[in-house]
Amino acid sequence: MLPKKELGLLLLLVVISAVTAVLNPLFLSGVNLLDMANLIGLFGIFSIGEGLTIITGGIDLSVGSVFSLLGVIFIDLVANRGIAWPFALMAVLAGGVVLGAIQGFLITRVRLQPFIVTLCGLLIYRGAARYYTDDSTMGFGYGNDADTLSWLAAGRSFGLPHSFIFLILVAAILGVVLHKSVFGRYLFAVGKNEEAARYAGIDTNLVIAGAYVLSGLLAGISTIFLVFYTNSVSPSTFGNFYELYAIAAAVLGGCSLRGGEGSILGIVLGTALLQVLQNLVNILGIPSSLNFAVMGTVILLGVFADQQLQKRREAAIAAAPERARPVAVAEPG
C-alpha cells in the first residue's frame, strides 16, 4: 500500500492525465507518450539527486550549470581530443563526484550555507563552461566513436527510452538506499534535526557531504543523457534553470524544504506530474514563455501545501496529551 502522500500524488497524476487526454486525444498517442517517458527519465535522474540534498535540509542550485560544464568537457574530450568514450564517460562521472564533494566540503567543514555554496557554484560552473569554449556552441561533428554510447543514452529497448529505463534502475537502487539502509535513516535524521543527530552519534558532516556527492554523480549521469538528447552544448543556455525543475519535482513529490521528509517514489511521480503539466500547458495554448511562471507557481503551491500539513501535524501533536489525560471522576458521597 502506498503512503498517503504518494497515493495522493498518483491520483492527481491520473486525474490531470485524464483531463489532458480529454482536451486533446493526441496526449495518449504512442509518439507523445514515448516523448514524455524520455523527458521523465532525463529530468527524473537529477531530480532524485536534488531530492536527497533537500532531505538533508539543504538545496542544490548548481545542477544546470554542472550540466553545461561537464557537457562541454565531454564533447571536447570525444570530438576534439580523440579520447575513447568510456574514458570520457568516466571523466564526466568523476567530475560530477568531485564537484559534489567540493560543495559538500564547503557546507560541512567551512560551514557555509548550502544556498550560498550552490548559488556560487551555479555562477562559477557556468562561467567556466563559457570560458572553456569561448562562449561558442560545441557539437560532436563527424567521425567520433561514440555511436555505442549514443545508442545507450538516446536509444530504446523493449519499446522504452533508455533514459526512462535508467531512471527506474536509479530509483530502485536509491529507494533501497534511502528507505532501507542506515545511510538513508541518517539522511532523514540529519534533515529533521542536525544537532540532535550529532548528539546521537551520527557523523552528520559525512552524511550531508554524501548527499551532495550523490547529487553530483547523478548530475554527471544526466549530463550524458542530456548531451545526446540535444547533440550539442551551448554553454550559455544548456541546462538553464533545470535546477528549478528538479526542486519543483522534489517539492511536488513530498520533499519538505525544511528537511527530513521525502521519498524516491514521490520524486519520480513529481517529475511525471511536471511533464504532464507541461503537456497540458501546450495543449491549452499557453505561451512557452510562461513555462517558468508555471514552475514557480508549482513550487509555491507545493511549499504552501507542505506548510499546511506541518501545521496540522503540530496541532495534532499538541492535542495528543490532552486526549491522553485521564478524566477526573468525582468520588461518591
C-alpha atoms as a PDB file:
ATOM      1  CA  MET A   1       0.000   0.000   0.000  1.00  0.00           C
ATOM      2  CA  LEU A   2       1.352   3.390  -0.985  1.00  0.00           C
ATOM      3  CA  PRO A   3       1.825   6.076   1.703  1.00  0.00           C
ATOM      4  CA  LYS A   4      -0.802   8.822   1.711  1.00  0.00           C
ATOM      5  CA  LYS A   5       1.418  11.440   0.031  1.00  0.00           C
ATOM      6  CA  GLU A   6       2.460   9.182  -2.833  1.00  0.00           C
ATOM      7  CA  LEU A   7      -1.069   7.826  -3.255  1.00  0.00           C
ATOM      8  CA  GLY A   8      -2.496  11.343  -3.418  1.00  0.00           C
ATOM      9  CA  LEU A   9       0.160  12.362  -5.932  1.00  0.00           C
ATOM     10  CA  LEU A  10      -0.561   9.302  -8.068  1.00  0.00           C
ATOM     11  CA  LEU A  11      -4.300  10.077  -8.068  1.00  0.00           C
ATOM     12  CA  LEU A  12      -3.567  13.698  -9.008  1.00  0.00           C
ATOM     13  CA  LEU A  13      -1.344  12.483 -11.845  1.00  0.00           C
ATOM     14  CA  VAL A  14      -4.098  10.192 -13.128  1.00  0.00           C
ATOM     15  CA  VAL A  15      -6.740  12.937 -12.942  1.00  0.00           C
ATOM     16  CA  ILE A  16      -4.600  15.540 -14.746  1.00  0.00           C
ATOM     17  CA  SER A  17      -3.606  12.969 -17.378  1.00  0.00           C
ATOM     18  CA  ALA A  18      -7.274  12.103 -17.933  1.00  0.00           C
ATOM     19  CA  VAL A  19      -8.211  15.786 -18.261  1.00  0.00           C
ATOM     20  CA  THR A  20      -5.346  16.362 -20.701  1.00  0.00           C
ATOM     21  CA  ALA A  21      -6.395  13.320 -22.756  1.00  0.00           C
ATOM     22  CA  VAL A  22      -9.972  14.612 -22.939  1.00  0.00           C
ATOM     23  CA  LEU A  23      -8.807  18.049 -24.079  1.00  0.00           C
ATOM     24  CA  ASN A  24      -6.526  16.508 -26.692  1.00  0.00           C
ATOM     25  CA  PRO A  25      -6.699  12.761 -27.504  1.00  0.00           C
ATOM     26  CA  LEU A  26      -3.210  13.014 -29.056  1.00  0.00           C
ATOM     27  CA  PHE A  27      -1.927  13.048 -25.478  1.00  0.00           C
ATOM     28  CA  LEU A  28      -2.344   9.255 -25.496  1.00  0.00           C
ATOM     29  CA  SER A  29      -0.618   8.763 -28.839  1.00  0.00           C
ATOM     30  CA  GLY A  30       2.416   6.498 -28.825  1.00  0.00           C
ATOM     31  CA  VAL A  31       4.741   9.239 -30.014  1.00  0.00           C
ATOM     32  CA  ASN A  32       3.686  11.645 -27.270  1.00  0.00           C
ATOM     33  CA  LEU A  33       3.837   9.020 -24.513  1.00  0.00           C
ATOM     34  CA  LEU A  34       7.321   7.909 -25.574  1.00  0.00           C
ATOM     35  CA  ASP A  35       8.495  11.515 -25.730  1.00  0.00           C
ATOM     36  CA  MET A  36       7.113  12.116 -22.231  1.00  0.00           C
ATOM     37  CA  ALA A  37       8.753   8.932 -20.937  1.00  0.00           C
ATOM     38  CA  ASN A  38      12.083  10.142 -22.320  1.00  0.00           C
ATOM     39  CA  LEU A  39      11.699  13.552 -20.654  1.00  0.00           C
ATOM     40  CA  ILE A  40      10.632  11.962 -17.362  1.00  0.00           C
ATOM     41  CA  GLY A  41      13.798   9.872 -17.497  1.00  0.00           C
ATOM     42  CA  LEU A  42      16.009  12.845 -18.389  1.00  0.00           C
ATOM     43  CA  PHE A  43      14.668  15.063 -15.607  1.00  0.00           C
ATOM     44  CA  GLY A  44      13.936  12.360 -13.058  1.00  0.00           C
ATOM     45  CA  ILE A  45      17.537  11.199 -12.604  1.00  0.00           C
ATOM     46  CA  PHE A  46      18.947  14.528 -11.446  1.00  0.00           C
ATOM     47  CA  SER A  47      15.718  15.394  -9.595  1.00  0.00           C
ATOM     48  CA  ILE A  48      16.391  12.414  -7.327  1.00  0.00           C
ATOM     49  CA  GLY A  49      19.825  13.878  -6.559  1.00  0.00           C
ATOM     50  CA  GLU A  50      18.215  17.230  -5.796  1.00  0.00           C
ATOM     51  CA  GLY A  51      15.717  15.497  -3.535  1.00  0.00           C
ATOM     52  CA  LEU A  52      18.490  13.879  -1.488  1.00  0.00           C
ATOM     53  CA  THR A  53      20.057  17.266  -0.726  1.00  0.00           C
ATOM     54  CA  ILE A  54      16.654  18.712   0.189  1.00  0.00           C
ATOM     55  CA  ILE A  55      16.002  15.813   2.579  1.00  0.00           C
ATOM     56  CA  THR A  56      19.159  16.842   4.493  1.00  0.00           C
ATOM     57  CA  GLY A  57      17.725  20.352   4.836  1.00  0.00           C
ATOM     58  CA  GLY A  58      19.921  21.767   2.062  1.00  0.00           C
ATOM     59  CA  ILE A  59      19.474  22.550  -1.621  1.00  0.00           C
ATOM     60  CA  ASP A  60      21.498  22.385  -4.838  1.00  0.00           C
ATOM     61  CA  LEU A  61      21.132  25.365  -7.169  1.00  0.00           C
ATOM     62  CA  SER A  62      24.129  24.462  -9.329  1.00  0.00           C
ATOM     63  CA  VAL A  63      22.670  21.474 -11.217  1.00  0.00           C
ATOM     64  CA  GLY A  64      22.029  23.243 -14.547  1.00  0.00           C
ATOM     65  CA  SER A  65      25.493  24.799 -14.611  1.00  0.00           C
ATOM     66  CA  VAL A  66      27.075  21.420 -13.817  1.00  0.00           C
ATOM     67  CA  PHE A  67      25.406  20.080 -16.979  1.00  0.00           C
ATOM     68  CA  SER A  68      26.908  22.925 -19.003  1.00  0.00           C
ATOM     69  CA  LEU A  69      30.461  22.496 -17.683  1.00  0.00           C
ATOM     70  CA  LEU A  70      30.554  18.696 -17.815  1.00  0.00           C
ATOM     71  CA  GLY A  71      28.751  18.710 -21.171  1.00  0.00           C
ATOM     72  CA  VAL A  72      31.352  20.840 -22.948  1.00  0.00           C
ATOM     73  CA  ILE A  73      34.179  18.842 -21.344  1.00  0.00           C
ATOM     74  CA  PHE A  74      32.646  15.563 -22.539  1.00  0.00           C
ATOM     75  CA  ILE A  75      32.157  16.757 -26.127  1.00  0.00           C
ATOM     76  CA  ASP A  76      35.650  18.248 -26.206  1.00  0.00           C
ATOM     77  CA  LEU A  77      37.227  15.002 -24.988  1.00  0.00           C
ATOM     78  CA  VAL A  78      35.355  12.838 -27.517  1.00  0.00           C
ATOM     79  CA  ALA A  79      35.110  15.081 -30.580  1.00  0.00           C
ATOM     80  CA  ASN A  80      38.273  17.205 -30.378  1.00  0.00           C
ATOM     81  CA  ARG A  81      40.833  15.301 -28.339  1.00  0.00           C
ATOM     82  CA  GLY A  82      40.083  11.787 -29.565  1.00  0.00           C
ATOM     83  CA  ILE A  83      39.536  10.292 -26.110  1.00  0.00           C
ATOM     84  CA  ALA A  84      37.658   6.979 -26.263  1.00  0.00           C
ATOM     85  CA  TRP A  85      34.115   7.444 -24.987  1.00  0.00           C
ATOM     86  CA  PRO A  86      34.429   5.049 -21.992  1.00  0.00           C
ATOM     87  CA  PHE A  87      37.247   7.203 -20.589  1.00  0.00           C
ATOM     88  CA  ALA A  88      35.378  10.425 -21.393  1.00  0.00           C
ATOM     89  CA  LEU A  89      32.308   8.978 -19.653  1.00  0.00           C
ATOM     90  CA  MET A  90      34.340   8.129 -16.552  1.00  0.00           C
ATOM     91  CA  ALA A  91      35.834  11.631 -16.586  1.00  0.00           C
ATOM     92  CA  VAL A  92      32.359  13.200 -16.597  1.00  0.00           C
ATOM     93  CA  LEU A  93      31.123  10.969 -13.771  1.00  0.00           C
ATOM     94  CA  ALA A  94      34.275  11.670 -11.769  1.00  0.00           C
ATOM     95  CA  GLY A  95      33.794  15.383 -12.445  1.00  0.00           C
ATOM     96  CA  GLY A  96      30.271  15.251 -11.053  1.00  0.00           C
ATOM     97  CA  VAL A  97      31.509  13.455  -7.926  1.00  0.00           C
ATOM     98  CA  VAL A  98      34.324  15.970  -7.438  1.00  0.00           C
ATOM     99  CA  LEU A  99      32.022  18.989  -7.799  1.00  0.00           C
ATOM    100  CA  GLY A 100      29.559  17.413  -5.358  1.00  0.00           C
ATOM    101  CA  ALA A 101      32.375  16.660  -2.911  1.00  0.00           C
ATOM    102  CA  ILE A 102      33.677  20.245  -3.094  1.00  0.00           C
ATOM    103  CA  GLN A 103      30.235  21.620  -2.331  1.00  0.00           C
ATOM    104  CA  GLY A 104      29.778  19.087   0.468  1.00  0.00           C
ATOM    105  CA  PHE A 105      33.154  20.109   1.954  1.00  0.00           C
ATOM    106  CA  LEU A 106      32.301  23.813   1.876  1.00  0.00           C
ATOM    107  CA  ILE A 107      28.932  23.155   3.517  1.00  0.00           C
ATOM    108  CA  THR A 108      30.090  20.755   6.222  1.00  0.00           C
ATOM    109  CA  ARG A 109      33.658  21.809   7.000  1.00  0.00           C
ATOM    110  CA  VAL A 110      33.737  25.507   6.139  1.00  0.00           C
ATOM    111  CA  ARG A 111      30.153  25.781   7.481  1.00  0.00           C
ATOM    112  CA  LEU A 112      28.800  27.838   4.582  1.00  0.00           C
ATOM    113  CA  GLN A 113      25.081  27.812   3.818  1.00  0.00           C
ATOM    114  CA  PRO A 114      24.028  25.344   1.080  1.00  0.00           C
ATOM    115  CA  PHE A 115      22.133  28.122  -0.698  1.00  0.00           C
ATOM    116  CA  ILE A 116      25.249  30.296  -0.922  1.00  0.00           C
ATOM    117  CA  VAL A 117      27.621  27.471  -1.872  1.00  0.00           C
ATOM    118  CA  THR A 118      25.449  26.110  -4.667  1.00  0.00           C
ATOM    119  CA  LEU A 119      24.460  29.576  -5.898  1.00  0.00           C
ATOM    120  CA  CYS A 120      28.159  30.379  -6.273  1.00  0.00           C
ATOM    121  CA  GLY A 121      28.568  27.003  -7.988  1.00  0.00           C
ATOM    122  CA  LEU A 122      25.838  27.959 -10.430  1.00  0.00           C
ATOM    123  CA  LEU A 123      27.761  31.085 -11.395  1.00  0.00           C
ATOM    124  CA  ILE A 124      31.263  29.592 -11.350  1.00  0.00           C
ATOM    125  CA  TYR A 125      30.484  26.454 -13.386  1.00  0.00           C
ATOM    126  CA  ARG A 126      28.518  28.379 -15.999  1.00  0.00           C
ATOM    127  CA  GLY A 127      31.282  30.948 -16.316  1.00  0.00           C
ATOM    128  CA  ALA A 128      33.930  28.222 -16.567  1.00  0.00           C
ATOM    129  CA  ALA A 129      31.939  26.456 -19.322  1.00  0.00           C
ATOM    130  CA  ARG A 130      31.647  29.671 -21.320  1.00  0.00           C
ATOM    131  CA  TYR A 131      35.346  30.426 -20.916  1.00  0.00           C
ATOM    132  CA  TYR A 132      36.290  26.851 -21.862  1.00  0.00           C
ATOM    133  CA  THR A 133      34.528  27.167 -25.220  1.00  0.00           C
ATOM    134  CA  ASP A 134      34.996  30.903 -25.827  1.00  0.00           C
ATOM    135  CA  ASP A 135      31.213  31.077 -25.410  1.00  0.00           C
ATOM    136  CA  SER A 136      30.634  29.033 -28.573  1.00  0.00           C
ATOM    137  CA  THR A 137      28.417  26.013 -29.126  1.00  0.00           C
ATOM    138  CA  MET A 138      30.122  22.618 -29.210  1.00  0.00           C
ATOM    139  CA  GLY A 139      28.864  19.551 -31.082  1.00  0.00           C
ATOM    140  CA  PHE A 140      30.091  16.071 -31.906  1.00  0.00           C
ATOM    141  CA  GLY A 141      30.612  16.642 -35.624  1.00  0.00           C
ATOM    142  CA  TYR A 142      31.530  13.533 -37.594  1.00  0.00           C
ATOM    143  CA  GLY A 143      33.916  10.653 -37.267  1.00  0.00           C
ATOM    144  CA  ASN A 144      33.788  10.108 -33.482  1.00  0.00           C
ATOM    145  CA  ASP A 145      33.461   6.667 -31.927  1.00  0.00           C
ATOM    146  CA  ALA A 146      30.603   7.455 -29.551  1.00  0.00           C
ATOM    147  CA  ASP A 147      27.887   5.700 -31.568  1.00  0.00           C
ATOM    148  CA  THR A 148      27.568   2.953 -28.955  1.00  0.00           C
ATOM    149  CA  LEU A 149      27.214   5.451 -26.121  1.00  0.00           C
ATOM    150  CA  SER A 150      24.786   7.471 -28.236  1.00  0.00           C
ATOM    151  CA  TRP A 151      22.569   4.400 -28.540  1.00  0.00           C
ATOM    152  CA  LEU A 152      22.870   3.673 -24.821  1.00  0.00           C
ATOM    153  CA  ALA A 153      21.894   7.249 -23.933  1.00  0.00           C
ATOM    154  CA  ALA A 154      19.292   8.054 -26.596  1.00  0.00           C
ATOM    155  CA  GLY A 155      18.123   4.676 -27.901  1.00  0.00           C
ATOM    156  CA  ARG A 156      15.255   2.387 -26.908  1.00  0.00           C
ATOM    157  CA  SER A 157      14.872  -1.159 -25.634  1.00  0.00           C
ATOM    158  CA  PHE A 158      11.610  -3.065 -25.178  1.00  0.00           C
ATOM    159  CA  GLY A 159       9.922  -0.042 -26.730  1.00  0.00           C
ATOM    160  CA  LEU A 160      11.027   2.277 -23.910  1.00  0.00           C
ATOM    161  CA  PRO A 161      13.617   5.091 -23.986  1.00  0.00           C
ATOM    162  CA  HIS A 162      16.835   4.153 -22.231  1.00  0.00           C
ATOM    163  CA  SER A 163      16.646   7.304 -20.114  1.00  0.00           C
ATOM    164  CA  PHE A 164      13.350   6.094 -18.641  1.00  0.00           C
ATOM    165  CA  ILE A 165      14.694   2.581 -18.058  1.00  0.00           C
ATOM    166  CA  PHE A 166      17.761   4.025 -16.348  1.00  0.00           C
ATOM    167  CA  LEU A 167      15.555   6.230 -14.162  1.00  0.00           C
ATOM    168  CA  ILE A 168      13.686   3.142 -12.970  1.00  0.00           C
ATOM    169  CA  LEU A 169      17.003   1.439 -12.121  1.00  0.00           C
ATOM    170  CA  VAL A 170      18.325   4.519 -10.307  1.00  0.00           C
ATOM    171  CA  ALA A 171      15.027   4.950  -8.429  1.00  0.00           C
ATOM    172  CA  ALA A 172      15.022   1.294  -7.373  1.00  0.00           C
ATOM    173  CA  ILE A 173      18.622   1.408  -6.114  1.00  0.00           C
ATOM    174  CA  LEU A 174      18.316   4.723  -4.291  1.00  0.00           C
ATOM    175  CA  GLY A 175      14.876   3.744  -2.993  1.00  0.00           C
ATOM    176  CA  VAL A 176      16.558   0.883  -1.140  1.00  0.00           C
ATOM    177  CA  VAL A 177      19.404   3.169  -0.018  1.00  0.00           C
ATOM    178  CA  LEU A 178      17.071   5.887   1.260  1.00  0.00           C
ATOM    179  CA  HIS A 179      14.348   3.783   2.833  1.00  0.00           C
ATOM    180  CA  LYS A 180      16.065   0.533   3.818  1.00  0.00           C
ATOM    181  CA  SER A 181      19.660   1.422   4.733  1.00  0.00           C
ATOM    182  CA  VAL A 182      21.372   3.022   7.718  1.00  0.00           C
ATOM    183  CA  PHE A 183      22.616   5.858   5.496  1.00  0.00           C
ATOM    184  CA  GLY A 184      19.025   6.611   4.475  1.00  0.00           C
ATOM    185  CA  ARG A 185      17.872   6.736   8.097  1.00  0.00           C
ATOM    186  CA  TYR A 186      20.763   9.067   8.864  1.00  0.00           C
ATOM    187  CA  LEU A 187      19.738  11.367   5.983  1.00  0.00           C
ATOM    188  CA  PHE A 188      16.252  11.750   7.460  1.00  0.00           C
ATOM    189  CA  ALA A 189      17.630  12.178  10.980  1.00  0.00           C
ATOM    190  CA  VAL A 190      20.025  14.934   9.884  1.00  0.00           C
ATOM    191  CA  GLY A 191      17.243  16.681   7.967  1.00  0.00           C
ATOM    192  CA  LYS A 192      14.895  16.563  10.938  1.00  0.00           C
ATOM    193  CA  ASN A 193      17.377  17.865  13.488  1.00  0.00           C
ATOM    194  CA  GLU A 194      21.082  18.005  12.667  1.00  0.00           C
ATOM    195  CA  GLU A 195      22.163  18.850  16.202  1.00  0.00           C
ATOM    196  CA  ALA A 196      20.145  16.013  17.738  1.00  0.00           C
ATOM    197  CA  ALA A 197      21.529  13.622  15.115  1.00  0.00           C
ATOM    198  CA  ARG A 198      25.077  14.695  16.028  1.00  0.00           C
ATOM    199  CA  TYR A 199      24.433  14.093  19.715  1.00  0.00           C
ATOM    200  CA  ALA A 200      23.069  10.661  18.800  1.00  0.00           C
ATOM    201  CA  GLY A 201      26.477   9.747  17.393  1.00  0.00           C
ATOM    202  CA  ILE A 202      25.792  10.279  13.686  1.00  0.00           C
ATOM    203  CA  ASP A 203      28.622  11.749  11.609  1.00  0.00           C
ATOM    204  CA  THR A 204      26.390  14.489  10.213  1.00  0.00           C
ATOM    205  CA  ASN A 205      29.149  16.022   8.112  1.00  0.00           C
ATOM    206  CA  LEU A 206      29.762  12.737   6.297  1.00  0.00           C
ATOM    207  CA  VAL A 207      26.042  12.182   5.736  1.00  0.00           C
ATOM    208  CA  ILE A 208      25.435  15.662   4.308  1.00  0.00           C
ATOM    209  CA  ALA A 209      28.551  15.520   2.132  1.00  0.00           C
ATOM    210  CA  GLY A 210      27.420  12.089   0.904  1.00  0.00           C
ATOM    211  CA  ALA A 211      24.115  13.564  -0.265  1.00  0.00           C
ATOM    212  CA  TYR A 212      25.920  16.222  -2.322  1.00  0.00           C
ATOM    213  CA  VAL A 213      28.319  13.642  -3.775  1.00  0.00           C
ATOM    214  CA  LEU A 214      25.358  11.500  -4.852  1.00  0.00           C
ATOM    215  CA  SER A 215      23.700  14.590  -6.332  1.00  0.00           C
ATOM    216  CA  GLY A 216      26.898  15.353  -8.271  1.00  0.00           C
ATOM    217  CA  LEU A 217      27.150  11.767  -9.527  1.00  0.00           C
ATOM    218  CA  LEU A 218      23.540  11.779 -10.731  1.00  0.00           C
ATOM    219  CA  ALA A 219      24.158  15.164 -12.389  1.00  0.00           C
ATOM    220  CA  GLY A 220      27.128  13.628 -14.215  1.00  0.00           C
ATOM    221  CA  ILE A 221      24.967  10.726 -15.411  1.00  0.00           C
ATOM    222  CA  SER A 222      22.226  13.126 -16.501  1.00  0.00           C
ATOM    223  CA  THR A 223      24.792  15.178 -18.427  1.00  0.00           C
ATOM    224  CA  ILE A 224      25.466  12.239 -20.756  1.00  0.00           C
ATOM    225  CA  PHE A 225      21.778  11.684 -21.436  1.00  0.00           C
ATOM    226  CA  LEU A 226      21.143  15.387 -22.000  1.00  0.00           C
ATOM    227  CA  VAL A 227      24.129  15.820 -24.312  1.00  0.00           C
ATOM    228  CA  PHE A 228      22.920  13.053 -26.606  1.00  0.00           C
ATOM    229  CA  TYR A 229      19.352  14.384 -26.371  1.00  0.00           C
ATOM    230  CA  THR A 230      20.461  17.740 -27.808  1.00  0.00           C
ATOM    231  CA  ASN A 231      23.603  16.557 -29.686  1.00  0.00           C
ATOM    232  CA  SER A 232      25.298  19.857 -28.872  1.00  0.00           C
ATOM    233  CA  VAL A 233      26.001  22.122 -25.920  1.00  0.00           C
ATOM    234  CA  SER A 234      25.655  25.888 -25.865  1.00  0.00           C
ATOM    235  CA  PRO A 235      27.401  26.810 -22.594  1.00  0.00           C
ATOM    236  CA  SER A 236      25.296  29.917 -22.019  1.00  0.00           C
ATOM    237  CA  THR A 237      21.939  28.118 -22.193  1.00  0.00           C
ATOM    238  CA  PHE A 238      22.491  24.367 -21.783  1.00  0.00           C
ATOM    239  CA  GLY A 239      20.732  23.234 -18.603  1.00  0.00           C
ATOM    240  CA  ASN A 240      19.494  26.733 -17.807  1.00  0.00           C
ATOM    241  CA  PHE A 241      17.027  26.694 -14.865  1.00  0.00           C
ATOM    242  CA  TYR A 242      16.966  22.876 -14.775  1.00  0.00           C
ATOM    243  CA  GLU A 243      17.514  23.168 -11.040  1.00  0.00           C
ATOM    244  CA  LEU A 244      14.023  24.701 -10.898  1.00  0.00           C
ATOM    245  CA  TYR A 245      12.530  21.602 -12.474  1.00  0.00           C
ATOM    246  CA  ALA A 246      14.419  19.422 -10.011  1.00  0.00           C
ATOM    247  CA  ILE A 247      13.313  21.463  -6.990  1.00  0.00           C
ATOM    248  CA  ALA A 248       9.712  21.528  -8.239  1.00  0.00           C
ATOM    249  CA  ALA A 249       9.715  17.742  -8.788  1.00  0.00           C
ATOM    250  CA  ALA A 250      11.151  17.132  -5.318  1.00  0.00           C
ATOM    251  CA  VAL A 251       8.708  19.505  -3.600  1.00  0.00           C
ATOM    252  CA  LEU A 252       5.758  18.062  -5.518  1.00  0.00           C
ATOM    253  CA  GLY A 253       6.996  14.608  -4.568  1.00  0.00           C
ATOM    254  CA  GLY A 254       6.749  15.354  -0.861  1.00  0.00           C
ATOM    255  CA  CYS A 255      10.257  16.604  -0.026  1.00  0.00           C
ATOM    256  CA  SER A 256       9.964  19.310   2.613  1.00  0.00           C
ATOM    257  CA  LEU A 257      12.301  22.282   2.164  1.00  0.00           C
ATOM    258  CA  ARG A 258      12.749  22.156   5.942  1.00  0.00           C
ATOM    259  CA  GLY A 259      14.366  18.757   5.517  1.00  0.00           C
ATOM    260  CA  GLY A 260      13.681  15.333   6.957  1.00  0.00           C
ATOM    261  CA  GLU A 261      10.892  14.307   4.585  1.00  0.00           C
ATOM    262  CA  GLY A 262      10.645  12.818   1.120  1.00  0.00           C
ATOM    263  CA  SER A 263      10.693   9.618  -0.895  1.00  0.00           C
ATOM    264  CA  ILE A 264      12.214   8.409  -4.160  1.00  0.00           C
ATOM    265  CA  LEU A 265       8.824   7.288  -5.485  1.00  0.00           C
ATOM    266  CA  GLY A 266       7.391  10.704  -4.688  1.00  0.00           C
ATOM    267  CA  ILE A 267      10.172  12.462  -6.621  1.00  0.00           C
ATOM    268  CA  VAL A 268       9.595  10.226  -9.653  1.00  0.00           C
ATOM    269  CA  LEU A 269       5.849  10.896  -9.508  1.00  0.00           C
ATOM    270  CA  GLY A 270       6.547  14.619  -9.098  1.00  0.00           C
ATOM    271  CA  THR A 271       8.726  14.549 -12.218  1.00  0.00           C
ATOM    272  CA  ALA A 272       5.997  12.756 -14.166  1.00  0.00           C
ATOM    273  CA  LEU A 273       3.389  15.247 -12.963  1.00  0.00           C
ATOM    274  CA  LEU A 274       5.543  18.169 -14.121  1.00  0.00           C
ATOM    275  CA  GLN A 275       5.813  16.695 -17.612  1.00  0.00           C
ATOM    276  CA  VAL A 276       2.057  16.123 -17.788  1.00  0.00           C
ATOM    277  CA  LEU A 277       1.514  19.724 -16.684  1.00  0.00           C
ATOM    278  CA  GLN A 278       3.887  20.864 -19.426  1.00  0.00           C
ATOM    279  CA  ASN A 279       1.808  18.878 -21.905  1.00  0.00           C
ATOM    280  CA  LEU A 280      -1.358  20.455 -20.557  1.00  0.00           C
ATOM    281  CA  VAL A 281       0.184  23.935 -20.886  1.00  0.00           C
ATOM    282  CA  ASN A 282       0.975  23.234 -24.541  1.00  0.00           C
ATOM    283  CA  ILE A 283      -2.493  21.863 -25.214  1.00  0.00           C
ATOM    284  CA  LEU A 284      -4.147  24.923 -23.652  1.00  0.00           C
ATOM    285  CA  GLY A 285      -2.056  27.160 -25.903  1.00  0.00           C
ATOM    286  CA  ILE A 286      -0.308  28.910 -23.029  1.00  0.00           C
ATOM    287  CA  PRO A 287       2.851  30.612 -24.390  1.00  0.00           C
ATOM    288  CA  SER A 288       6.056  28.689 -23.714  1.00  0.00           C
ATOM    289  CA  SER A 289       7.494  31.892 -22.275  1.00  0.00           C
ATOM    290  CA  LEU A 290       5.243  31.301 -19.263  1.00  0.00           C
ATOM    291  CA  ASN A 291       6.783  27.883 -18.505  1.00  0.00           C
ATOM    292  CA  PHE A 292       8.920  29.305 -15.721  1.00  0.00           C
ATOM    293  CA  ALA A 293       5.881  31.071 -14.283  1.00  0.00           C
ATOM    294  CA  VAL A 294       4.157  27.676 -14.192  1.00  0.00           C
ATOM    295  CA  MET A 295       7.193  26.154 -12.449  1.00  0.00           C
ATOM    296  CA  GLY A 296       7.251  28.958  -9.893  1.00  0.00           C
ATOM    297  CA  THR A 297       3.548  28.507  -9.205  1.00  0.00           C
ATOM    298  CA  VAL A 298       4.013  24.756  -8.759  1.00  0.00           C
ATOM    299  CA  ILE A 299       6.851  25.272  -6.253  1.00  0.00           C
ATOM    300  CA  LEU A 300       4.838  27.896  -4.368  1.00  0.00           C
ATOM    301  CA  LEU A 301       1.778  25.651  -4.133  1.00  0.00           C
ATOM    302  CA  GLY A 302       3.933  22.722  -3.044  1.00  0.00           C
ATOM    303  CA  VAL A 303       5.573  24.737  -0.267  1.00  0.00           C
ATOM    304  CA  PHE A 304       2.184  26.116   0.834  1.00  0.00           C
ATOM    305  CA  ALA A 305       0.704  22.609   0.983  1.00  0.00           C
ATOM    306  CA  ASP A 306       3.707  21.377   2.978  1.00  0.00           C
ATOM    307  CA  GLN A 307       3.303  24.272   5.416  1.00  0.00           C
ATOM    308  CA  GLN A 308      -0.365  23.467   5.972  1.00  0.00           C
ATOM    309  CA  LEU A 309       0.411  19.788   6.560  1.00  0.00           C
ATOM    310  CA  GLN A 310       3.113  20.739   9.057  1.00  0.00           C
ATOM    311  CA  LYS A 311       0.671  22.966  10.959  1.00  0.00           C
ATOM    312  CA  ARG A 312      -1.850  20.117  11.122  1.00  0.00           C
ATOM    313  CA  ARG A 313       0.784  17.704  12.428  1.00  0.00           C
ATOM    314  CA  GLU A 314       1.892  20.201  15.082  1.00  0.00           C
ATOM    315  CA  ALA A 315      -1.722  20.767  16.101  1.00  0.00           C
ATOM    316  CA  ALA A 316      -2.304  17.013  16.345  1.00  0.00           C
ATOM    317  CA  ILE A 317       0.829  16.570  18.483  1.00  0.00           C
ATOM    318  CA  ALA A 318      -0.203  19.442  20.763  1.00  0.00           C
ATOM    319  CA  ALA A 319      -3.692  17.963  21.176  1.00  0.00           C
ATOM    320  CA  ALA A 320      -2.466  14.431  21.859  1.00  0.00           C
ATOM    321  CA  PRO A 321      -1.539  14.941  25.558  1.00  0.00           C
ATOM    322  CA  GLU A 322      -4.935  16.467  26.250  1.00  0.00           C
ATOM    323  CA  ARG A 323      -6.711  13.465  24.768  1.00  0.00           C
ATOM    324  CA  ALA A 324      -4.470  11.114  26.718  1.00  0.00           C
ATOM    325  CA  ARG A 325      -5.021  12.942  30.030  1.00  0.00           C
ATOM    326  CA  PRO A 326      -7.257  10.892  32.406  1.00  0.00           C
ATOM    327  CA  VAL A 327     -10.659  12.358  33.144  1.00  0.00           C
ATOM    328  CA  ALA A 328     -11.246  13.210  36.784  1.00  0.00           C
ATOM    329  CA  VAL A 329     -14.034  11.142  38.345  1.00  0.00           C
ATOM    330  CA  ALA A 330     -15.945  12.579  41.283  1.00  0.00           C
ATOM    331  CA  GLU A 331     -15.775  10.460  44.400  1.00  0.00           C
ATOM    332  CA  PRO A 332     -19.113   9.198  45.702  1.00  0.00           C
ATOM    333  CA  GLY A 333     -20.763  10.780  48.589  1.00  0.00           C
END
